Amino acid sequence: MADHTRATMLTALLDGRALAAGELAQLAGVSPATASAHLARLLDGGFVARARQGRHQYYRLAGHEVADAIEALSHLGSPVPVRTLRQSREAAALAEARTCYDHLAGRAGVALLDALLGAGLLASEPENARVDGGTADLAGGAAAAYVVTEAGTSVLRGFGLDLPALRRSRRRFASPCLDWTQRRPHLNGSLGAAITARLLDLGWIERGPHRRAVQVSAAGRHGLADTFGWAMSE
């Protein structure tokens, strides 16, 4: 991951969609042969998964664990300098609303988690509660995980989510993910992924013009406000 070319490829795959080897080569600014060598290393290391479709090979991140690692490492590096108007627009779009692999991030994602907590649909799991076989003890008193309240169960079921199935997932159910642009948490875990997938299905969020960026539609603003009490200024 420390190699610039491989890091660029992994970052490009953070929106959860599969990309062809040729697309990844173009995004990384390398030849197809060089891209193939880097992708082979990522494949061997378990960072990406490959699927064949006809003569083409498509790559995606091997799972949410890889995405979580990339997102966590983004807090350690220096911000990428913005040198062009295009880069400035892309950075602004990602900060506003984006997918963090399969869950909503950016200002919109932080606002969604704030709304779920503020409306009493989610609650912070008690400090030192057992989480995935360990104990929750995050610096600064931040929640290690969230639980769905009785009111939240009713609302999320009405929204179309199968909560028992999400809880049976091997993935953590609902946990905070520190947003690297907002420096505040958005919702991760199987619940965060399911909410985001449902928002896309309903057309409440739509893919934006920049990779990973999404936009909250007019219907989404009304739906999110009515369903979750979500509110974010224009």
C-alpha atoms as a PDB file:
ATOM      1  CA  MET A   1       0.000   0.000   0.000  1.00  0.00           C
ATOM      2  CA  ALA A   2       2.975   2.327   0.437  1.00  0.00           C
ATOM      3  CA  ASP A   3       3.638   2.300  -3.308  1.00  0.00           C
ATOM      4  CA  HIS A   4       2.051   5.341  -4.977  1.00  0.00           C
ATOM      5  CA  THR A   5       0.628   3.392  -7.923  1.00  0.00           C
ATOM      6  CA  ARG A   6      -0.962   0.718  -5.754  1.00  0.00           C
ATOM      7  CA  ALA A   7      -2.274   3.319  -3.306  1.00  0.00           C
ATOM      8  CA  THR A   8      -3.891   5.201  -6.205  1.00  0.00           C
ATOM      9  CA  MET A   9      -5.566   2.020  -7.432  1.00  0.00           C
ATOM     10  CA  LEU A  10      -6.862   1.112  -3.990  1.00  0.00           C
ATOM     11  CA  THR A  11      -8.212   4.620  -3.444  1.00  0.00           C
ATOM     12  CA  ALA A  12      -9.995   4.465  -6.802  1.00  0.00           C
ATOM     13  CA  LEU A  13     -11.738   1.275  -5.661  1.00  0.00           C
ATOM     14  CA  LEU A  14     -13.016   2.876  -2.453  1.00  0.00           C
ATOM     15  CA  ASP A  15     -16.423   3.592  -3.967  1.00  0.00           C
ATOM     16  CA  GLY A  16     -17.162  -0.136  -3.864  1.00  0.00           C
ATOM     17  CA  ARG A  17     -17.505  -0.650  -7.615  1.00  0.00           C
ATOM     18  CA  ALA A  18     -15.344  -2.949  -9.727  1.00  0.00           C
ATOM     19  CA  LEU A  19     -13.026  -1.356 -12.285  1.00  0.00           C
ATOM     20  CA  ALA A  20     -11.321  -2.881 -15.287  1.00  0.00           C
ATOM     21  CA  ALA A  21      -7.548  -3.253 -15.240  1.00  0.00           C
ATOM     22  CA  GLY A  22      -7.291  -0.723 -18.072  1.00  0.00           C
ATOM     23  CA  GLU A  23      -9.274   1.875 -16.114  1.00  0.00           C
ATOM     24  CA  LEU A  24      -7.024   1.418 -13.102  1.00  0.00           C
ATOM     25  CA  ALA A  25      -3.931   1.767 -15.288  1.00  0.00           C
ATOM     26  CA  GLN A  26      -5.255   5.041 -16.685  1.00  0.00           C
ATOM     27  CA  LEU A  27      -6.156   6.398 -13.260  1.00  0.00           C
ATOM     28  CA  ALA A  28      -2.712   5.520 -11.900  1.00  0.00           C
ATOM     29  CA  GLY A  29      -0.944   6.942 -14.960  1.00  0.00           C
ATOM     30  CA  VAL A  30       0.957   3.745 -15.783  1.00  0.00           C
ATOM     31  CA  SER A  31       1.107   1.314 -18.683  1.00  0.00           C
ATOM     32  CA  PRO A  32      -1.213  -1.715 -18.773  1.00  0.00           C
ATOM     33  CA  ALA A  33       1.756  -4.028 -18.174  1.00  0.00           C
ATOM     34  CA  THR A  34       2.865  -2.059 -15.118  1.00  0.00           C
ATOM     35  CA  ALA A  35      -0.703  -1.972 -13.810  1.00  0.00           C
ATOM     36  CA  SER A  36      -0.992  -5.746 -14.209  1.00  0.00           C
ATOM     37  CA  ALA A  37       2.158  -6.267 -12.140  1.00  0.00           C
ATOM     38  CA  HIS A  38       0.845  -4.041  -9.350  1.00  0.00           C
ATOM     39  CA  LEU A  39      -2.600  -5.666  -9.425  1.00  0.00           C
ATOM     40  CA  ALA A  40      -0.999  -9.100  -9.180  1.00  0.00           C
ATOM     41  CA  ARG A  41       0.758  -8.022  -5.981  1.00  0.00           C
ATOM     42  CA  LEU A  42      -2.471  -6.606  -4.551  1.00  0.00           C
ATOM     43  CA  LEU A  43      -4.290  -9.803  -5.482  1.00  0.00           C
ATOM     44  CA  ASP A  44      -1.634 -11.988  -3.865  1.00  0.00           C
ATOM     45  CA  GLY A  45      -1.740  -9.813  -0.744  1.00  0.00           C
ATOM     46  CA  GLY A  46      -5.497 -10.197  -0.367  1.00  0.00           C
ATOM     47  CA  PHE A  47      -6.243  -6.510  -0.938  1.00  0.00           C
ATOM     48  CA  VAL A  48      -8.332  -6.936  -4.086  1.00  0.00           C
ATOM     49  CA  ALA A  49     -10.557  -9.580  -5.664  1.00  0.00           C
ATOM     50  CA  ARG A  50     -10.719 -10.278  -9.402  1.00  0.00           C
ATOM     51  CA  ALA A  51     -13.584 -11.238 -11.672  1.00  0.00           C
ATOM     52  CA  ARG A  52     -13.440 -12.069 -15.376  1.00  0.00           C
ATOM     53  CA  GLN A  53     -16.045 -10.962 -17.876  1.00  0.00           C
ATOM     54  CA  GLY A  54     -15.208 -12.021 -21.398  1.00  0.00           C
ATOM     55  CA  ARG A  55     -11.725 -10.813 -22.223  1.00  0.00           C
ATOM     56  CA  HIS A  56     -11.764  -8.212 -19.475  1.00  0.00           C
ATOM     57  CA  GLN A  57     -10.684  -8.510 -15.861  1.00  0.00           C
ATOM     58  CA  TYR A  58     -12.338  -6.420 -13.186  1.00  0.00           C
ATOM     59  CA  TYR A  59     -10.997  -5.662  -9.738  1.00  0.00           C
ATOM     60  CA  ARG A  60     -12.671  -4.576  -6.522  1.00  0.00           C
ATOM     61  CA  LEU A  61     -11.534  -4.286  -2.917  1.00  0.00           C
ATOM     62  CA  ALA A  62     -11.447  -7.662  -1.198  1.00  0.00           C
ATOM     63  CA  GLY A  63     -13.818  -6.467   1.516  1.00  0.00           C
ATOM     64  CA  HIS A  64     -14.810  -3.751   3.934  1.00  0.00           C
ATOM     65  CA  GLU A  65     -11.784  -4.513   6.132  1.00  0.00           C
ATOM     66  CA  VAL A  66      -9.482  -3.273   3.360  1.00  0.00           C
ATOM     67  CA  ALA A  67     -11.591  -0.148   2.925  1.00  0.00           C
ATOM     68  CA  ASP A  68     -11.511   0.505   6.681  1.00  0.00           C
ATOM     69  CA  ALA A  69      -7.705   0.226   6.682  1.00  0.00           C
ATOM     70  CA  ILE A  70      -7.336   2.653   3.772  1.00  0.00           C
ATOM     71  CA  GLU A  71      -9.728   5.136   5.346  1.00  0.00           C
ATOM     72  CA  ALA A  72      -7.899   4.926   8.686  1.00  0.00           C
ATOM     73  CA  LEU A  73      -4.515   5.496   7.058  1.00  0.00           C
ATOM     74  CA  SER A  74      -5.865   8.599   5.316  1.00  0.00           C
ATOM     75  CA  HIS A  75      -5.890  10.332   8.724  1.00  0.00           C
ATOM     76  CA  LEU A  76      -2.114   9.934   9.031  1.00  0.00           C
ATOM     77  CA  GLY A  77      -0.939  11.358   5.730  1.00  0.00           C
ATOM     78  CA  SER A  78      -0.684  14.997   4.726  1.00  0.00           C
ATOM     79  CA  PRO A  79      -3.552  16.376   2.613  1.00  0.00           C
ATOM     80  CA  VAL A  80      -2.959  16.184  -1.117  1.00  0.00           C
ATOM     81  CA  PRO A  81      -2.145  19.692  -2.382  1.00  0.00           C
ATOM     82  CA  VAL A  82      -4.891  21.181  -4.562  1.00  0.00           C
ATOM     83  CA  ARG A  83      -3.311  22.781  -7.624  1.00  0.00           C
ATOM     84  CA  THR A  84      -6.136  23.013 -10.167  1.00  0.00           C
ATOM     85  CA  LEU A  85      -9.758  24.113 -10.270  1.00  0.00           C
ATOM     86  CA  ARG A  86     -10.768  20.554 -11.122  1.00  0.00           C
ATOM     87  CA  GLN A  87      -8.988  19.190  -8.052  1.00  0.00           C
ATOM     88  CA  SER A  88     -10.642  21.867  -5.919  1.00  0.00           C
ATOM     89  CA  ARG A  89     -14.097  20.906  -7.185  1.00  0.00           C
ATOM     90  CA  GLU A  90     -13.441  17.210  -6.656  1.00  0.00           C
ATOM     91  CA  ALA A  91     -12.212  17.808  -3.106  1.00  0.00           C
ATOM     92  CA  ALA A  92     -15.291  19.902  -2.307  1.00  0.00           C
ATOM     93  CA  ALA A  93     -17.613  17.231  -3.715  1.00  0.00           C
ATOM     94  CA  LEU A  94     -15.950  14.463  -1.692  1.00  0.00           C
ATOM     95  CA  ALA A  95     -16.115  16.532   1.480  1.00  0.00           C
ATOM     96  CA  GLU A  96     -19.819  17.203   0.916  1.00  0.00           C
ATOM     97  CA  ALA A  97     -21.043  13.644   0.280  1.00  0.00           C
ATOM     98  CA  ARG A  98     -19.273  10.475  -0.812  1.00  0.00           C
ATOM     99  CA  THR A  99     -19.260   6.757  -0.306  1.00  0.00           C
ATOM    100  CA  CYS A 100     -16.676   5.372   2.082  1.00  0.00           C
ATOM    101  CA  TYR A 101     -16.611   1.976   0.330  1.00  0.00           C
ATOM    102  CA  ASP A 102     -20.258   1.103   0.986  1.00  0.00           C
ATOM    103  CA  HIS A 103     -21.478   3.641   3.533  1.00  0.00           C
ATOM    104  CA  LEU A 104     -22.289   7.336   3.375  1.00  0.00           C
ATOM    105  CA  ALA A 105     -19.514   9.735   4.378  1.00  0.00           C
ATOM    106  CA  GLY A 106     -18.645  13.403   4.187  1.00  0.00           C
ATOM    107  CA  ARG A 107     -20.805  16.165   5.593  1.00  0.00           C
ATOM    108  CA  ALA A 108     -23.947  14.281   4.567  1.00  0.00           C
ATOM    109  CA  GLY A 109     -22.834  11.095   6.348  1.00  0.00           C
ATOM    110  CA  VAL A 110     -21.969  12.950   9.545  1.00  0.00           C
ATOM    111  CA  ALA A 111     -25.343  14.734   9.423  1.00  0.00           C
ATOM    112  CA  LEU A 112     -27.120  11.388   8.998  1.00  0.00           C
ATOM    113  CA  LEU A 113     -25.476   9.892  12.079  1.00  0.00           C
ATOM    114  CA  ASP A 114     -26.225  13.068  14.044  1.00  0.00           C
ATOM    115  CA  ALA A 115     -29.884  12.770  13.012  1.00  0.00           C
ATOM    116  CA  LEU A 116     -30.131   9.095  13.987  1.00  0.00           C
ATOM    117  CA  LEU A 117     -28.655   9.834  17.408  1.00  0.00           C
ATOM    118  CA  GLY A 118     -30.575  13.076  17.883  1.00  0.00           C
ATOM    119  CA  ALA A 119     -33.909  11.445  17.084  1.00  0.00           C
ATOM    120  CA  GLY A 120     -33.173   8.616  19.501  1.00  0.00           C
ATOM    121  CA  LEU A 121     -33.131   5.978  16.756  1.00  0.00           C
ATOM    122  CA  LEU A 122     -29.581   4.974  17.684  1.00  0.00           C
ATOM    123  CA  ALA A 123     -27.859   5.141  21.047  1.00  0.00           C
ATOM    124  CA  SER A 124     -24.229   4.826  22.015  1.00  0.00           C
ATOM    125  CA  GLU A 125     -23.376   1.430  23.411  1.00  0.00           C
ATOM    126  CA  PRO A 126     -22.450   1.721  27.106  1.00  0.00           C
ATOM    127  CA  GLU A 127     -18.769   2.306  27.778  1.00  0.00           C
ATOM    128  CA  ASN A 128     -16.806  -0.901  28.370  1.00  0.00           C
ATOM    129  CA  ALA A 129     -19.583  -2.995  26.815  1.00  0.00           C
ATOM    130  CA  ARG A 130     -18.307  -6.046  25.040  1.00  0.00           C
ATOM    131  CA  VAL A 131     -17.760  -5.449  21.327  1.00  0.00           C
ATOM    132  CA  ASP A 132     -16.698  -8.285  19.022  1.00  0.00           C
ATOM    133  CA  GLY A 133     -15.231 -10.206  21.945  1.00  0.00           C
ATOM    134  CA  GLY A 134     -13.365  -7.238  23.389  1.00  0.00           C
ATOM    135  CA  THR A 135     -14.150  -4.115  25.343  1.00  0.00           C
ATOM    136  CA  ALA A 136     -15.091  -0.689  24.105  1.00  0.00           C
ATOM    137  CA  ASP A 137     -12.753   1.983  25.355  1.00  0.00           C
ATOM    138  CA  LEU A 138     -12.123   4.682  22.772  1.00  0.00           C
ATOM    139  CA  ALA A 139     -10.109   7.782  23.568  1.00  0.00           C
ATOM    140  CA  GLY A 140     -12.079  10.925  24.166  1.00  0.00           C
ATOM    141  CA  GLY A 141     -15.220   9.090  25.266  1.00  0.00           C
ATOM    142  CA  ALA A 142     -16.328   8.399  21.694  1.00  0.00           C
ATOM    143  CA  ALA A 143     -18.799   5.564  21.233  1.00  0.00           C
ATOM    144  CA  ALA A 144     -17.269   2.265  20.245  1.00  0.00           C
ATOM    145  CA  ALA A 145     -20.546   1.052  18.762  1.00  0.00           C
ATOM    146  CA  TYR A 146     -24.207   1.941  18.481  1.00  0.00           C
ATOM    147  CA  VAL A 147     -27.400   0.063  19.302  1.00  0.00           C
ATOM    148  CA  VAL A 148     -30.789   0.509  17.658  1.00  0.00           C
ATOM    149  CA  THR A 149     -33.447   1.709  20.086  1.00  0.00           C
ATOM    150  CA  GLU A 150     -37.046   0.520  20.150  1.00  0.00           C
ATOM    151  CA  ALA A 151     -38.075   3.609  18.199  1.00  0.00           C
ATOM    152  CA  GLY A 152     -35.216   3.044  15.770  1.00  0.00           C
ATOM    153  CA  THR A 153     -36.283  -0.548  15.158  1.00  0.00           C
ATOM    154  CA  SER A 154     -39.708   0.614  14.019  1.00  0.00           C
ATOM    155  CA  VAL A 155     -38.348   3.376  11.786  1.00  0.00           C
ATOM    156  CA  LEU A 156     -35.623   1.286  10.174  1.00  0.00           C
ATOM    157  CA  ARG A 157     -38.012  -1.585   9.481  1.00  0.00           C
ATOM    158  CA  GLY A 158     -40.382   0.881   7.852  1.00  0.00           C
ATOM    159  CA  PHE A 159     -37.449   2.149   5.817  1.00  0.00           C
ATOM    160  CA  GLY A 160     -37.061  -1.363   4.419  1.00  0.00           C
ATOM    161  CA  LEU A 161     -34.191  -2.853   6.415  1.00  0.00           C
ATOM    162  CA  ASP A 162     -33.991  -6.411   7.739  1.00  0.00           C
ATOM    163  CA  LEU A 163     -32.310  -5.754  11.074  1.00  0.00           C
ATOM    164  CA  PRO A 164     -32.053  -9.409  12.231  1.00  0.00           C
ATOM    165  CA  ALA A 165     -30.242 -10.297   8.989  1.00  0.00           C
ATOM    166  CA  LEU A 166     -27.865  -7.356   9.417  1.00  0.00           C
ATOM    167  CA  ARG A 167     -27.078  -8.454  12.970  1.00  0.00           C
ATOM    168  CA  ARG A 168     -26.242 -11.955  11.738  1.00  0.00           C
ATOM    169  CA  SER A 169     -23.584 -10.544   9.420  1.00  0.00           C
ATOM    170  CA  ARG A 170     -19.972 -11.324  10.322  1.00  0.00           C
ATOM    171  CA  ARG A 171     -19.362  -7.609  10.052  1.00  0.00           C
ATOM    172  CA  ARG A 172     -19.818  -5.266  13.001  1.00  0.00           C
ATOM    173  CA  PHE A 173     -23.402  -4.074  13.135  1.00  0.00           C
ATOM    174  CA  ALA A 174     -23.134  -0.324  13.769  1.00  0.00           C
ATOM    175  CA  SER A 175     -19.940   1.510  14.604  1.00  0.00           C
ATOM    176  CA  PRO A 176     -18.438   4.965  14.136  1.00  0.00           C
ATOM    177  CA  CYS A 177     -15.974   5.681  11.347  1.00  0.00           C
ATOM    178  CA  LEU A 178     -13.982   8.883  11.815  1.00  0.00           C
ATOM    179  CA  ASP A 179     -14.558  10.980   8.706  1.00  0.00           C
ATOM    180  CA  TRP A 180     -11.236  12.196   7.303  1.00  0.00           C
ATOM    181  CA  THR A 181     -12.744  15.413   5.883  1.00  0.00           C
ATOM    182  CA  GLN A 182     -15.078  16.312   8.760  1.00  0.00           C
ATOM    183  CA  ARG A 183     -13.032  14.899  11.677  1.00  0.00           C
ATOM    184  CA  ARG A 184     -16.264  13.603  13.169  1.00  0.00           C
ATOM    185  CA  PRO A 185     -17.789  10.116  12.886  1.00  0.00           C
ATOM    186  CA  HIS A 186     -20.193   8.812  10.287  1.00  0.00           C
ATOM    187  CA  LEU A 187     -21.990   5.451  10.503  1.00  0.00           C
ATOM    188  CA  ASN A 188     -20.079   2.311   9.492  1.00  0.00           C
ATOM    189  CA  GLY A 189     -20.890  -1.387   9.799  1.00  0.00           C
ATOM    190  CA  SER A 190     -23.568  -3.526   8.204  1.00  0.00           C
ATOM    191  CA  LEU A 191     -26.228  -1.010   9.259  1.00  0.00           C
ATOM    192  CA  GLY A 192     -24.428   1.925   7.653  1.00  0.00           C
ATOM    193  CA  ALA A 193     -23.947  -0.081   4.454  1.00  0.00           C
ATOM    194  CA  ALA A 194     -27.596  -1.160   4.354  1.00  0.00           C
ATOM    195  CA  ILE A 195     -28.887   2.384   4.877  1.00  0.00           C
ATOM    196  CA  THR A 196     -26.638   3.670   2.092  1.00  0.00           C
ATOM    197  CA  ALA A 197     -27.708   0.901  -0.304  1.00  0.00           C
ATOM    198  CA  ARG A 198     -31.344   1.716   0.419  1.00  0.00           C
ATOM    199  CA  LEU A 199     -30.740   5.445  -0.151  1.00  0.00           C
ATOM    200  CA  LEU A 200     -29.265   4.625  -3.570  1.00  0.00           C
ATOM    201  CA  ASP A 201     -32.176   2.302  -4.416  1.00  0.00           C
ATOM    202  CA  LEU A 202     -34.686   5.020  -3.537  1.00  0.00           C
ATOM    203  CA  GLY A 203     -32.795   7.651  -5.515  1.00  0.00           C
ATOM    204  CA  TRP A 204     -32.357   9.728  -2.373  1.00  0.00           C
ATOM    205  CA  ILE A 205     -28.641   9.844  -3.088  1.00  0.00           C
ATOM    206  CA  GLU A 206     -27.183   9.630  -6.580  1.00  0.00           C
ATOM    207  CA  ARG A 207     -23.712   9.070  -7.983  1.00  0.00           C
ATOM    208  CA  GLY A 208     -22.005  12.395  -8.586  1.00  0.00           C
ATOM    209  CA  PRO A 209     -19.786  13.551 -11.458  1.00  0.00           C
ATOM    210  CA  HIS A 210     -16.609  12.724  -9.522  1.00  0.00           C
ATOM    211  CA  ARG A 211     -15.490   9.247  -8.480  1.00  0.00           C
ATOM    212  CA  ARG A 212     -16.831   8.281  -5.017  1.00  0.00           C
ATOM    213  CA  ALA A 213     -18.865  11.490  -4.810  1.00  0.00           C
ATOM    214  CA  VAL A 214     -22.623  11.280  -4.342  1.00  0.00           C
ATOM    215  CA  GLN A 215     -25.317  13.927  -4.277  1.00  0.00           C
ATOM    216  CA  VAL A 216     -28.426  14.107  -2.110  1.00  0.00           C
ATOM    217  CA  SER A 217     -31.395  14.534  -4.431  1.00  0.00           C
ATOM    218  CA  ALA A 218     -34.330  16.857  -3.796  1.00  0.00           C
ATOM    219  CA  ALA A 219     -36.469  13.805  -2.994  1.00  0.00           C
ATOM    220  CA  GLY A 220     -33.701  12.609  -0.704  1.00  0.00           C
ATOM    221  CA  ARG A 221     -33.651  15.815   1.297  1.00  0.00           C
ATOM    222  CA  HIS A 222     -37.386  15.506   1.956  1.00  0.00           C
ATOM    223  CA  GLY A 223     -37.233  11.764   2.566  1.00  0.00           C
ATOM    224  CA  LEU A 224     -34.268  11.918   4.915  1.00  0.00           C
ATOM    225  CA  ALA A 225     -35.847  14.766   6.857  1.00  0.00           C
ATOM    226  CA  ASP A 226     -39.212  12.994   7.164  1.00  0.00           C
ATOM    227  CA  THR A 227     -37.733   9.584   7.994  1.00  0.00           C
ATOM    228  CA  PHE A 228     -34.746  10.386  10.172  1.00  0.00           C
ATOM    229  CA  GLY A 229     -35.033  14.072  11.033  1.00  0.00           C
ATOM    230  CA  TRP A 230     -31.961  14.677   8.856  1.00  0.00           C
ATOM    231  CA  ALA A 231     -31.225  18.302   8.101  1.00  0.00           C
ATOM    232  CA  MET A 232     -28.295  19.823   6.274  1.00  0.00           C
ATOM    233  CA  SER A 233     -28.075  23.341   4.911  1.00  0.00           C
ATOM    234  CA  GLU A 234     -27.771  23.870   1.162  1.00  0.00           C
END
